[in-house]
Amino acid sequence: MYIGTQTRCRTETDIEVLAQLGVFNVDQTPAGPWAEWRADTIKSLRDRFDNYGINLEMIHIPLGSQSAFKNEAGAIFLGPSDARDRAIDRMCETVRMAAEAGLRGLNYNITLLGHLRTEPRYGRGHARLSSFEYDKLDQSTAAFEGGPADEDEMWERIDHWLQCIIPVAEEYKIQMACHPSDPGIGYGTTYRGVARVLGMVDGFKKFIALYDSPYNGLNFCLGCMAESLENPAEEIYDVIRYFGSRKKIFNVHFRNIKGGLRNFVEVFPDEGDVDMLKALRAFKEVGYEYMIMPDHVPGISGPEAAQVGFAYTYGYIHALLQAVNE
């Protein structure tokens, strides 16, 4: 396993800085509308990083962490429609493009509502911390504009997606890495009429069982998985072992939290409830062999705050990897 990042590179300088910081593997998103992507689009993006000795090994497809209506391929999880069929066909073509461009895999989310957060809290040095308190979630918000979707409905949609996309992924040897719904809000609970079946650990156990394939797996967000647990400081390591021992982890978002199910803040990796060194040792124990990525770094002060925050986490991950690999 090795350090990677999905931090968007705005300029050639951003890419050069990654190389200077020892980050030689990335996941990025091609520019331009998804409908205009071609294999050459992805190849050109790879060439841009190759110039700095950096490997573009994954990309994000337009099933992101926002509301389904803000994702170009969002119709895929909105239920049966001609738009869904067209989007799935286009996504199958995207898998073929990725293979032609020499990628390892594609990262994506299955979510209708996108990320859920409440008012931020503040941590050390008054760093702004992304926060979630279920009791403060606005329960008066209107029902989801795409209509209700209970657990059975969501699993039907997810199963349809897997039955369509994974055979193509198998043919072209492209890993499909699904990210958790952020955050999980508990079992048997809906928000705005929508069930978040991929917010909890058992949901992902069902997900990998729905289509058991070496190309159907997880973009394993350590933070999201911890957020779904009552006691992440004790429970998260066995979650890593469960999915890692089955070779279902294709990518890792490496971030820490304080708290747990329904009440947490995202913090710097060195100060949360999860022992990140112990977590990294668990990934090594199960033979995980891909990227370890920083994610959701707290908001700090000053110019280029995001770049500085991520640089800090790169150094932290480098140090942990050295400790684990000794």
C-alpha atoms as a PDB file:
ATOM      1  CA  MET A   1       0.000   0.000   0.000  1.00  0.00           C
ATOM      2  CA  TYR A   2       1.105   3.526  -0.728  1.00  0.00           C
ATOM      3  CA  ILE A   3       0.021   7.130  -0.426  1.00  0.00           C
ATOM      4  CA  GLY A   4      -2.369   8.589  -3.001  1.00  0.00           C
ATOM      5  CA  THR A   5      -4.742  11.502  -3.344  1.00  0.00           C
ATOM      6  CA  GLN A   6      -7.926  12.653  -5.039  1.00  0.00           C
ATOM      7  CA  THR A   7      -7.267  16.332  -4.297  1.00  0.00           C
ATOM      8  CA  ARG A   8      -8.063  18.260  -7.466  1.00  0.00           C
ATOM      9  CA  CYS A   9      -4.994  19.547  -9.250  1.00  0.00           C
ATOM     10  CA  ARG A  10      -5.833  22.983 -10.620  1.00  0.00           C
ATOM     11  CA  THR A  11      -2.492  23.753 -12.252  1.00  0.00           C
ATOM     12  CA  GLU A  12       0.755  22.128 -13.299  1.00  0.00           C
ATOM     13  CA  THR A  13       2.266  23.560 -10.108  1.00  0.00           C
ATOM     14  CA  ASP A  14      -0.219  21.569  -8.025  1.00  0.00           C
ATOM     15  CA  ILE A  15       0.898  18.387  -9.788  1.00  0.00           C
ATOM     16  CA  GLU A  16       4.567  19.255  -9.352  1.00  0.00           C
ATOM     17  CA  VAL A  17       4.006  19.844  -5.629  1.00  0.00           C
ATOM     18  CA  LEU A  18       2.471  16.366  -5.293  1.00  0.00           C
ATOM     19  CA  ALA A  19       5.643  14.860  -6.731  1.00  0.00           C
ATOM     20  CA  GLN A  20       7.756  16.987  -4.380  1.00  0.00           C
ATOM     21  CA  LEU A  21       5.693  15.705  -1.439  1.00  0.00           C
ATOM     22  CA  GLY A  22       6.151  12.077  -2.523  1.00  0.00           C
ATOM     23  CA  VAL A  23       2.597  11.503  -3.757  1.00  0.00           C
ATOM     24  CA  PHE A  24       2.932   9.482  -6.964  1.00  0.00           C
ATOM     25  CA  ASN A  25      -0.540   7.950  -7.355  1.00  0.00           C
ATOM     26  CA  VAL A  26      -3.799   9.807  -7.894  1.00  0.00           C
ATOM     27  CA  ASP A  27      -7.504   9.620  -8.599  1.00  0.00           C
ATOM     28  CA  GLN A  28      -8.796  12.599 -10.576  1.00  0.00           C
ATOM     29  CA  THR A  29     -11.822  13.575 -12.657  1.00  0.00           C
ATOM     30  CA  PRO A  30     -11.503  14.435 -16.354  1.00  0.00           C
ATOM     31  CA  ALA A  31     -12.483  17.963 -17.326  1.00  0.00           C
ATOM     32  CA  GLY A  32     -15.554  18.703 -19.370  1.00  0.00           C
ATOM     33  CA  PRO A  33     -19.027  17.175 -19.509  1.00  0.00           C
ATOM     34  CA  TRP A  34     -19.209  13.423 -19.037  1.00  0.00           C
ATOM     35  CA  ALA A  35     -21.075  13.073 -22.346  1.00  0.00           C
ATOM     36  CA  GLU A  36     -17.948  14.363 -24.091  1.00  0.00           C
ATOM     37  CA  TRP A  37     -15.446  12.043 -22.419  1.00  0.00           C
ATOM     38  CA  ARG A  38     -13.534   9.744 -24.735  1.00  0.00           C
ATOM     39  CA  ALA A  39     -10.707   7.298 -24.103  1.00  0.00           C
ATOM     40  CA  ASP A  40      -8.343   9.986 -25.392  1.00  0.00           C
ATOM     41  CA  THR A  41      -9.719  12.367 -22.744  1.00  0.00           C
ATOM     42  CA  ILE A  42      -8.562  10.011 -20.028  1.00  0.00           C
ATOM     43  CA  LYS A  43      -5.294   9.230 -21.806  1.00  0.00           C
ATOM     44  CA  SER A  44      -4.517  12.946 -22.024  1.00  0.00           C
ATOM     45  CA  LEU A  45      -5.146  13.288 -18.307  1.00  0.00           C
ATOM     46  CA  ARG A  46      -2.817  10.351 -17.643  1.00  0.00           C
ATOM     47  CA  ASP A  47      -0.138  11.934 -19.827  1.00  0.00           C
ATOM     48  CA  ARG A  48      -0.413  15.174 -17.870  1.00  0.00           C
ATOM     49  CA  PHE A  49       0.448  13.350 -14.634  1.00  0.00           C
ATOM     50  CA  ASP A  50       2.991  11.062 -16.296  1.00  0.00           C
ATOM     51  CA  ASN A  51       5.072  14.166 -17.035  1.00  0.00           C
ATOM     52  CA  TYR A  52       5.729  14.391 -13.300  1.00  0.00           C
ATOM     53  CA  GLY A  53       6.186  10.674 -12.660  1.00  0.00           C
ATOM     54  CA  ILE A  54       2.680  10.362 -11.174  1.00  0.00           C
ATOM     55  CA  ASN A  55       0.328   7.496 -11.991  1.00  0.00           C
ATOM     56  CA  LEU A  56      -3.326   8.264 -12.695  1.00  0.00           C
ATOM     57  CA  GLU A  57      -4.756   4.930 -11.616  1.00  0.00           C
ATOM     58  CA  MET A  58      -8.398   5.788 -10.949  1.00  0.00           C
ATOM     59  CA  ILE A  59     -10.941   8.446 -11.868  1.00  0.00           C
ATOM     60  CA  HIS A  60     -14.214   9.560 -10.333  1.00  0.00           C
ATOM     61  CA  ILE A  61     -17.250   8.931 -12.499  1.00  0.00           C
ATOM     62  CA  PRO A  62     -20.194  11.384 -12.286  1.00  0.00           C
ATOM     63  CA  LEU A  63     -21.917   9.584  -9.426  1.00  0.00           C
ATOM     64  CA  GLY A  64     -20.520  11.805  -6.721  1.00  0.00           C
ATOM     65  CA  SER A  65     -21.312  12.775  -3.163  1.00  0.00           C
ATOM     66  CA  GLN A  66     -23.933  15.382  -4.063  1.00  0.00           C
ATOM     67  CA  SER A  67     -27.666  14.993  -4.572  1.00  0.00           C
ATOM     68  CA  ALA A  68     -28.559  12.647  -7.428  1.00  0.00           C
ATOM     69  CA  PHE A  69     -29.931  15.626  -9.352  1.00  0.00           C
ATOM     70  CA  LYS A  70     -26.494  17.281  -9.308  1.00  0.00           C
ATOM     71  CA  ASN A  71     -24.701  14.248 -10.762  1.00  0.00           C
ATOM     72  CA  GLU A  72     -24.561  13.852 -14.535  1.00  0.00           C
ATOM     73  CA  ALA A  73     -25.294  10.143 -14.155  1.00  0.00           C
ATOM     74  CA  GLY A  74     -27.667  10.585 -11.225  1.00  0.00           C
ATOM     75  CA  ALA A  75     -30.611   9.036 -13.104  1.00  0.00           C
ATOM     76  CA  ILE A  76     -29.009   5.637 -12.536  1.00  0.00           C
ATOM     77  CA  PHE A  77     -30.334   5.526  -8.960  1.00  0.00           C
ATOM     78  CA  LEU A  78     -33.600   7.430  -9.443  1.00  0.00           C
ATOM     79  CA  GLY A  79     -35.581   4.412 -10.562  1.00  0.00           C
ATOM     80  CA  PRO A  80     -36.631   2.936 -13.928  1.00  0.00           C
ATOM     81  CA  SER A  81     -36.625   5.398 -16.824  1.00  0.00           C
ATOM     82  CA  ASP A  82     -35.213   5.889 -20.301  1.00  0.00           C
ATOM     83  CA  ALA A  83     -32.743   8.327 -18.752  1.00  0.00           C
ATOM     84  CA  ARG A  84     -31.523   5.574 -16.424  1.00  0.00           C
ATOM     85  CA  ASP A  85     -31.045   3.176 -19.317  1.00  0.00           C
ATOM     86  CA  ARG A  86     -29.097   5.758 -21.308  1.00  0.00           C
ATOM     87  CA  ALA A  87     -26.918   6.632 -18.316  1.00  0.00           C
ATOM     88  CA  ILE A  88     -26.082   2.992 -17.615  1.00  0.00           C
ATOM     89  CA  ASP A  89     -25.214   2.406 -21.269  1.00  0.00           C
ATOM     90  CA  ARG A  90     -22.945   5.443 -21.169  1.00  0.00           C
ATOM     91  CA  MET A  91     -21.379   4.206 -17.948  1.00  0.00           C
ATOM     92  CA  CYS A  92     -20.617   0.848 -19.546  1.00  0.00           C
ATOM     93  CA  GLU A  93     -18.873   2.783 -22.297  1.00  0.00           C
ATOM     94  CA  THR A  94     -16.962   4.729 -19.628  1.00  0.00           C
ATOM     95  CA  VAL A  95     -15.676   1.429 -18.230  1.00  0.00           C
ATOM     96  CA  ARG A  96     -14.393   0.545 -21.696  1.00  0.00           C
ATOM     97  CA  MET A  97     -12.717   3.951 -22.006  1.00  0.00           C
ATOM     98  CA  ALA A  98     -11.031   3.500 -18.633  1.00  0.00           C
ATOM     99  CA  ALA A  99      -9.628   0.152 -19.698  1.00  0.00           C
ATOM    100  CA  GLU A 100      -8.353   1.566 -22.976  1.00  0.00           C
ATOM    101  CA  ALA A 101      -6.645   4.361 -21.050  1.00  0.00           C
ATOM    102  CA  GLY A 102      -4.969   1.853 -18.729  1.00  0.00           C
ATOM    103  CA  LEU A 103      -6.749   2.691 -15.481  1.00  0.00           C
ATOM    104  CA  ARG A 104      -7.146   0.314 -12.549  1.00  0.00           C
ATOM    105  CA  GLY A 105     -10.598   1.379 -11.428  1.00  0.00           C
ATOM    106  CA  LEU A 106     -13.449   3.848 -11.058  1.00  0.00           C
ATOM    107  CA  ASN A 107     -14.633   5.495  -7.836  1.00  0.00           C
ATOM    108  CA  TYR A 108     -18.284   6.402  -7.277  1.00  0.00           C
ATOM    109  CA  ASN A 109     -21.078   6.964  -4.741  1.00  0.00           C
ATOM    110  CA  ILE A 110     -24.572   5.540  -4.482  1.00  0.00           C
ATOM    111  CA  THR A 111     -26.571   8.299  -2.826  1.00  0.00           C
ATOM    112  CA  LEU A 112     -29.770  10.199  -3.550  1.00  0.00           C
ATOM    113  CA  LEU A 113     -29.424  12.910  -0.911  1.00  0.00           C
ATOM    114  CA  GLY A 114     -25.670  13.456  -0.923  1.00  0.00           C
ATOM    115  CA  HIS A 115     -23.612  14.139   2.196  1.00  0.00           C
ATOM    116  CA  LEU A 116     -25.541  15.219   5.286  1.00  0.00           C
ATOM    117  CA  ARG A 117     -24.023  17.678   7.752  1.00  0.00           C
ATOM    118  CA  THR A 118     -25.209  20.070  10.450  1.00  0.00           C
ATOM    119  CA  GLU A 119     -23.560  23.272  11.706  1.00  0.00           C
ATOM    120  CA  PRO A 120     -19.759  23.033  11.935  1.00  0.00           C
ATOM    121  CA  ARG A 121     -17.954  22.841  15.223  1.00  0.00           C
ATOM    122  CA  TYR A 122     -14.445  24.111  15.960  1.00  0.00           C
ATOM    123  CA  GLY A 123     -11.351  22.293  17.117  1.00  0.00           C
ATOM    124  CA  ARG A 124      -7.738  22.984  17.991  1.00  0.00           C
ATOM    125  CA  GLY A 125      -6.602  26.457  17.058  1.00  0.00           C
ATOM    126  CA  HIS A 126     -10.200  27.164  16.020  1.00  0.00           C
ATOM    127  CA  ALA A 127      -9.957  24.867  12.973  1.00  0.00           C
ATOM    128  CA  ARG A 128     -13.381  24.467  11.361  1.00  0.00           C
ATOM    129  CA  LEU A 129     -14.643  20.896  11.721  1.00  0.00           C
ATOM    130  CA  SER A 130     -17.282  19.303   9.540  1.00  0.00           C
ATOM    131  CA  SER A 131     -19.942  18.049  11.936  1.00  0.00           C
ATOM    132  CA  PHE A 132     -23.053  15.914  12.127  1.00  0.00           C
ATOM    133  CA  GLU A 133     -25.596  15.780  14.926  1.00  0.00           C
ATOM    134  CA  TYR A 134     -28.663  13.767  13.980  1.00  0.00           C
ATOM    135  CA  ASP A 135     -30.810  15.523  16.585  1.00  0.00           C
ATOM    136  CA  LYS A 136     -30.079  18.838  14.837  1.00  0.00           C
ATOM    137  CA  LEU A 137     -30.888  17.564  11.341  1.00  0.00           C
ATOM    138  CA  ASP A 138     -33.778  19.554   9.870  1.00  0.00           C
ATOM    139  CA  GLN A 139     -36.657  17.077   9.876  1.00  0.00           C
ATOM    140  CA  SER A 140     -39.001  19.608   8.272  1.00  0.00           C
ATOM    141  CA  THR A 141     -37.128  19.528   4.967  1.00  0.00           C
ATOM    142  CA  ALA A 142     -39.405  18.515   2.108  1.00  0.00           C
ATOM    143  CA  ALA A 143     -39.471  14.945   0.858  1.00  0.00           C
ATOM    144  CA  PHE A 144     -36.827  14.090  -1.724  1.00  0.00           C
ATOM    145  CA  GLU A 145     -37.839  15.582  -5.051  1.00  0.00           C
ATOM    146  CA  GLY A 146     -37.217  12.297  -6.837  1.00  0.00           C
ATOM    147  CA  GLY A 147     -39.790  10.522  -4.696  1.00  0.00           C
ATOM    148  CA  PRO A 148     -39.500   8.214  -1.684  1.00  0.00           C
ATOM    149  CA  ALA A 149     -37.229   5.192  -1.770  1.00  0.00           C
ATOM    150  CA  ASP A 150     -37.382   2.735   1.112  1.00  0.00           C
ATOM    151  CA  GLU A 151     -34.816   0.000   1.707  1.00  0.00           C
ATOM    152  CA  ASP A 152     -36.412  -2.490  -0.683  1.00  0.00           C
ATOM    153  CA  GLU A 153     -36.594   0.111  -3.439  1.00  0.00           C
ATOM    154  CA  MET A 154     -32.981   1.173  -2.946  1.00  0.00           C
ATOM    155  CA  TRP A 155     -31.742  -2.420  -3.010  1.00  0.00           C
ATOM    156  CA  GLU A 156     -33.699  -3.064  -6.208  1.00  0.00           C
ATOM    157  CA  ARG A 157     -32.024  -0.074  -7.861  1.00  0.00           C
ATOM    158  CA  ILE A 158     -28.585  -1.051  -6.600  1.00  0.00           C
ATOM    159  CA  ASP A 159     -29.015  -4.628  -7.768  1.00  0.00           C
ATOM    160  CA  HIS A 160     -30.057  -3.439 -11.236  1.00  0.00           C
ATOM    161  CA  TRP A 161     -26.919  -1.286 -11.427  1.00  0.00           C
ATOM    162  CA  LEU A 162     -24.644  -4.116 -10.383  1.00  0.00           C
ATOM    163  CA  GLN A 163     -26.194  -6.608 -12.779  1.00  0.00           C
ATOM    164  CA  CYS A 164     -25.598  -4.153 -15.630  1.00  0.00           C
ATOM    165  CA  ILE A 165     -22.179  -2.722 -14.819  1.00  0.00           C
ATOM    166  CA  ILE A 166     -20.174  -5.490 -13.140  1.00  0.00           C
ATOM    167  CA  PRO A 167     -20.187  -7.907 -16.108  1.00  0.00           C
ATOM    168  CA  VAL A 168     -18.686  -5.093 -18.198  1.00  0.00           C
ATOM    169  CA  ALA A 169     -16.168  -4.314 -15.440  1.00  0.00           C
ATOM    170  CA  GLU A 170     -15.206  -7.999 -15.360  1.00  0.00           C
ATOM    171  CA  GLU A 171     -14.750  -8.087 -19.119  1.00  0.00           C
ATOM    172  CA  TYR A 172     -12.472  -5.049 -19.077  1.00  0.00           C
ATOM    173  CA  LYS A 173     -10.863  -5.733 -15.681  1.00  0.00           C
ATOM    174  CA  ILE A 174     -11.867  -2.415 -14.101  1.00  0.00           C
ATOM    175  CA  GLN A 175     -12.455  -2.279 -10.341  1.00  0.00           C
ATOM    176  CA  MET A 176     -15.705  -0.516  -9.398  1.00  0.00           C
ATOM    177  CA  ALA A 177     -15.144   1.106  -5.975  1.00  0.00           C
ATOM    178  CA  CYS A 178     -18.285   2.297  -4.157  1.00  0.00           C
ATOM    179  CA  HIS A 179     -18.048   4.908  -1.385  1.00  0.00           C
ATOM    180  CA  PRO A 180     -20.359   4.851   1.675  1.00  0.00           C
ATOM    181  CA  SER A 181     -23.287   7.217   2.019  1.00  0.00           C
ATOM    182  CA  ASP A 182     -21.951   9.886   4.357  1.00  0.00           C
ATOM    183  CA  PRO A 183     -23.054   9.520   7.094  1.00  0.00           C
ATOM    184  CA  GLY A 184     -25.061   6.475   8.013  1.00  0.00           C
ATOM    185  CA  ILE A 185     -28.044   7.376  10.195  1.00  0.00           C
ATOM    186  CA  GLY A 186     -28.891   3.953  11.609  1.00  0.00           C
ATOM    187  CA  TYR A 187     -30.800   0.853  10.569  1.00  0.00           C
ATOM    188  CA  GLY A 188     -34.429   1.165   9.516  1.00  0.00           C
ATOM    189  CA  THR A 189     -34.191   4.963   9.400  1.00  0.00           C
ATOM    190  CA  THR A 190     -35.042   7.226   6.489  1.00  0.00           C
ATOM    191  CA  TYR A 191     -34.489  10.906   5.876  1.00  0.00           C
ATOM    192  CA  ARG A 192     -36.681  12.871   3.458  1.00  0.00           C
ATOM    193  CA  GLY A 193     -38.294   9.535   2.608  1.00  0.00           C
ATOM    194  CA  VAL A 194     -35.026   7.937   1.478  1.00  0.00           C
ATOM    195  CA  ALA A 195     -33.230   4.979   3.062  1.00  0.00           C
ATOM    196  CA  ARG A 196     -29.430   5.255   3.299  1.00  0.00           C
ATOM    197  CA  VAL A 197     -28.739   1.540   2.918  1.00  0.00           C
ATOM    198  CA  LEU A 198     -25.054   2.088   2.157  1.00  0.00           C
ATOM    199  CA  GLY A 199     -24.454   4.201   5.225  1.00  0.00           C
ATOM    200  CA  MET A 200     -24.057   1.269   7.603  1.00  0.00           C
ATOM    201  CA  VAL A 201     -21.577  -1.618   7.671  1.00  0.00           C
ATOM    202  CA  ASP A 202     -24.210  -4.328   7.203  1.00  0.00           C
ATOM    203  CA  GLY A 203     -25.367  -2.537   4.061  1.00  0.00           C
ATOM    204  CA  PHE A 204     -21.946  -2.955   2.519  1.00  0.00           C
ATOM    205  CA  LYS A 205     -21.843  -6.599   3.540  1.00  0.00           C
ATOM    206  CA  LYS A 206     -25.063  -7.050   1.566  1.00  0.00           C
ATOM    207  CA  PHE A 207     -23.690  -4.923  -1.284  1.00  0.00           C
ATOM    208  CA  ILE A 208     -20.662  -7.128  -1.909  1.00  0.00           C
ATOM    209  CA  ALA A 209     -22.827 -10.251  -1.617  1.00  0.00           C
ATOM    210  CA  LEU A 210     -25.351  -9.001  -4.214  1.00  0.00           C
ATOM    211  CA  TYR A 211     -22.772  -9.450  -6.966  1.00  0.00           C
ATOM    212  CA  ASP A 212     -19.751 -11.384  -5.762  1.00  0.00           C
ATOM    213  CA  SER A 213     -17.022 -10.360  -8.148  1.00  0.00           C
ATOM    214  CA  PRO A 214     -13.369  -9.343  -7.817  1.00  0.00           C
ATOM    215  CA  TYR A 215     -14.411  -6.148  -9.603  1.00  0.00           C
ATOM    216  CA  ASN A 216     -17.232  -5.173  -7.218  1.00  0.00           C
ATOM    217  CA  GLY A 217     -15.881  -3.573  -4.067  1.00  0.00           C
ATOM    218  CA  LEU A 218     -15.392  -0.503  -1.926  1.00  0.00           C
ATOM    219  CA  ASN A 219     -13.832   2.884  -1.893  1.00  0.00           C
ATOM    220  CA  PHE A 220     -13.394   2.254   1.837  1.00  0.00           C
ATOM    221  CA  CYS A 221     -13.792   5.539   3.694  1.00  0.00           C
ATOM    222  CA  LEU A 222     -12.362   4.982   7.144  1.00  0.00           C
ATOM    223  CA  GLY A 223     -14.142   8.084   8.389  1.00  0.00           C
ATOM    224  CA  CYS A 224     -17.562   7.051   7.051  1.00  0.00           C
ATOM    225  CA  MET A 225     -17.249   3.532   8.401  1.00  0.00           C
ATOM    226  CA  ALA A 226     -16.253   4.935  11.806  1.00  0.00           C
ATOM    227  CA  GLU A 227     -19.220   7.338  11.725  1.00  0.00           C
ATOM    228  CA  SER A 228     -21.598   4.377  11.429  1.00  0.00           C
ATOM    229  CA  LEU A 229     -20.327   2.657  14.599  1.00  0.00           C
ATOM    230  CA  GLU A 230     -21.359   3.078  18.213  1.00  0.00           C
ATOM    231  CA  ASN A 231     -17.747   2.666  19.380  1.00  0.00           C
ATOM    232  CA  PRO A 232     -15.397   3.208  16.432  1.00  0.00           C
ATOM    233  CA  ALA A 233     -12.292   3.204  18.628  1.00  0.00           C
ATOM    234  CA  GLU A 234     -12.912  -0.502  19.284  1.00  0.00           C
ATOM    235  CA  GLU A 235     -15.000  -1.701  16.335  1.00  0.00           C
ATOM    236  CA  ILE A 236     -13.384  -0.247  13.191  1.00  0.00           C
ATOM    237  CA  TYR A 237     -10.453  -2.666  12.983  1.00  0.00           C
ATOM    238  CA  ASP A 238     -12.702  -5.714  12.565  1.00  0.00           C
ATOM    239  CA  VAL A 239     -14.624  -3.846   9.864  1.00  0.00           C
ATOM    240  CA  ILE A 240     -11.341  -3.384   7.985  1.00  0.00           C
ATOM    241  CA  ARG A 241     -10.577  -7.075   8.432  1.00  0.00           C
ATOM    242  CA  TYR A 242     -14.022  -8.166   7.212  1.00  0.00           C
ATOM    243  CA  PHE A 243     -13.827  -6.386   3.875  1.00  0.00           C
ATOM    244  CA  GLY A 244     -10.058  -6.540   3.487  1.00  0.00           C
ATOM    245  CA  SER A 245      -9.836 -10.297   4.004  1.00  0.00           C
ATOM    246  CA  ARG A 246     -12.404 -10.694   1.195  1.00  0.00           C
ATOM    247  CA  LYS A 247     -10.322  -8.451  -1.099  1.00  0.00           C
ATOM    248  CA  LYS A 248     -13.170  -5.971  -1.436  1.00  0.00           C
ATOM    249  CA  ILE A 249     -11.213  -2.807  -0.628  1.00  0.00           C
ATOM    250  CA  PHE A 250     -10.037  -1.055  -3.804  1.00  0.00           C
ATOM    251  CA  ASN A 251      -9.210   2.348  -2.336  1.00  0.00           C
ATOM    252  CA  VAL A 252      -8.981   3.916   1.145  1.00  0.00           C
ATOM    253  CA  HIS A 253     -10.011   7.367   2.346  1.00  0.00           C
ATOM    254  CA  PHE A 254      -7.903   7.809   5.468  1.00  0.00           C
ATOM    255  CA  ARG A 255      -9.504  10.266   7.900  1.00  0.00           C
ATOM    256  CA  ASN A 256     -10.409  10.364  11.555  1.00  0.00           C
ATOM    257  CA  ILE A 257     -13.376  11.443  13.681  1.00  0.00           C
ATOM    258  CA  LYS A 258     -14.388  12.078  17.252  1.00  0.00           C
ATOM    259  CA  GLY A 259     -17.719  10.561  18.220  1.00  0.00           C
ATOM    260  CA  GLY A 260     -19.680   7.897  16.389  1.00  0.00           C
ATOM    261  CA  LEU A 261     -23.107   7.036  15.058  1.00  0.00           C
ATOM    262  CA  ARG A 262     -25.364  10.108  14.713  1.00  0.00           C
ATOM    263  CA  ASN A 263     -22.945  12.505  16.447  1.00  0.00           C
ATOM    264  CA  PHE A 264     -19.401  13.161  15.262  1.00  0.00           C
ATOM    265  CA  VAL A 265     -16.904  15.734  14.052  1.00  0.00           C
ATOM    266  CA  GLU A 266     -14.180  15.227  11.470  1.00  0.00           C
ATOM    267  CA  VAL A 267     -10.778  16.015  12.937  1.00  0.00           C
ATOM    268  CA  PHE A 268      -7.090  15.924  12.071  1.00  0.00           C
ATOM    269  CA  PRO A 269      -5.887  12.332  11.706  1.00  0.00           C
ATOM    270  CA  ASP A 270      -3.649  12.502  14.774  1.00  0.00           C
ATOM    271  CA  GLU A 271      -6.342  13.569  17.266  1.00  0.00           C
ATOM    272  CA  GLY A 272      -9.422  11.421  16.646  1.00  0.00           C
ATOM    273  CA  ASP A 273     -10.900   8.370  18.343  1.00  0.00           C
ATOM    274  CA  VAL A 274      -9.498   5.907  15.815  1.00  0.00           C
ATOM    275  CA  ASP A 275      -5.898   4.768  16.315  1.00  0.00           C
ATOM    276  CA  MET A 276      -4.720   5.427  12.763  1.00  0.00           C
ATOM    277  CA  LEU A 277      -1.510   3.449  13.152  1.00  0.00           C
ATOM    278  CA  LYS A 278      -3.502   0.455  14.358  1.00  0.00           C
ATOM    279  CA  ALA A 279      -5.917   0.930  11.433  1.00  0.00           C
ATOM    280  CA  LEU A 280      -3.073   1.014   8.918  1.00  0.00           C
ATOM    281  CA  ARG A 281      -1.640  -2.139  10.452  1.00  0.00           C
ATOM    282  CA  ALA A 282      -5.033  -3.795   9.969  1.00  0.00           C
ATOM    283  CA  PHE A 283      -4.992  -2.841   6.273  1.00  0.00           C
ATOM    284  CA  LYS A 284      -1.522  -4.357   5.976  1.00  0.00           C
ATOM    285  CA  GLU A 285      -2.618  -7.477   7.873  1.00  0.00           C
ATOM    286  CA  VAL A 286      -5.308  -8.231   5.258  1.00  0.00           C
ATOM    287  CA  GLY A 287      -2.966  -7.620   2.338  1.00  0.00           C
ATOM    288  CA  TYR A 288      -4.439  -4.333   1.135  1.00  0.00           C
ATOM    289  CA  GLU A 289      -2.206  -3.125  -1.699  1.00  0.00           C
ATOM    290  CA  TYR A 290      -3.544   0.151  -3.104  1.00  0.00           C
ATOM    291  CA  MET A 291      -3.803   3.872  -2.281  1.00  0.00           C
ATOM    292  CA  ILE A 292      -4.116   5.415   1.185  1.00  0.00           C
ATOM    293  CA  MET A 293      -5.697   8.849   0.632  1.00  0.00           C
ATOM    294  CA  PRO A 294      -6.235  11.807   2.962  1.00  0.00           C
ATOM    295  CA  ASP A 295      -9.808  13.069   2.885  1.00  0.00           C
ATOM    296  CA  HIS A 296     -11.940  15.904   4.355  1.00  0.00           C
ATOM    297  CA  VAL A 297      -9.099  17.755   6.066  1.00  0.00           C
ATOM    298  CA  PRO A 298     -10.371  20.270   8.688  1.00  0.00           C
ATOM    299  CA  GLY A 299     -10.635  23.890   7.627  1.00  0.00           C
ATOM    300  CA  ILE A 300      -7.539  25.813   8.671  1.00  0.00           C
ATOM    301  CA  SER A 301      -6.578  29.480   8.424  1.00  0.00           C
ATOM    302  CA  GLY A 302      -4.463  31.313   5.902  1.00  0.00           C
ATOM    303  CA  PRO A 303      -3.893  31.279   2.145  1.00  0.00           C
ATOM    304  CA  GLU A 304      -4.033  27.961   0.283  1.00  0.00           C
ATOM    305  CA  ALA A 305      -5.629  26.403   3.362  1.00  0.00           C
ATOM    306  CA  ALA A 306      -6.704  23.187   1.643  1.00  0.00           C
ATOM    307  CA  GLN A 307      -3.287  22.671   0.078  1.00  0.00           C
ATOM    308  CA  VAL A 308      -1.555  23.185   3.434  1.00  0.00           C
ATOM    309  CA  GLY A 309      -3.993  20.896   5.238  1.00  0.00           C
ATOM    310  CA  PHE A 310      -3.521  18.106   2.749  1.00  0.00           C
ATOM    311  CA  ALA A 311       0.266  18.543   2.795  1.00  0.00           C
ATOM    312  CA  TYR A 312       0.099  17.994   6.544  1.00  0.00           C
ATOM    313  CA  THR A 313      -1.845  14.761   6.109  1.00  0.00           C
ATOM    314  CA  TYR A 314       0.497  13.510   3.383  1.00  0.00           C
ATOM    315  CA  GLY A 315       3.369  13.806   5.838  1.00  0.00           C
ATOM    316  CA  TYR A 316       1.358  12.058   8.529  1.00  0.00           C
ATOM    317  CA  ILE A 317       0.532   9.145   6.218  1.00  0.00           C
ATOM    318  CA  HIS A 318       4.137   8.878   5.017  1.00  0.00           C
ATOM    319  CA  ALA A 319       5.277   8.546   8.631  1.00  0.00           C
ATOM    320  CA  LEU A 320       2.652   5.905   9.465  1.00  0.00           C
ATOM    321  CA  LEU A 321       3.541   3.885   6.370  1.00  0.00           C
ATOM    322  CA  GLN A 322       7.194   3.913   7.411  1.00  0.00           C
ATOM    323  CA  ALA A 323       6.240   2.695  10.881  1.00  0.00           C
ATOM    324  CA  VAL A 324       3.988  -0.054   9.511  1.00  0.00           C
ATOM    325  CA  ASN A 325       6.530  -1.242   6.981  1.00  0.00           C
ATOM    326  CA  GLU A 326       9.495  -1.450   9.357  1.00  0.00           C
END
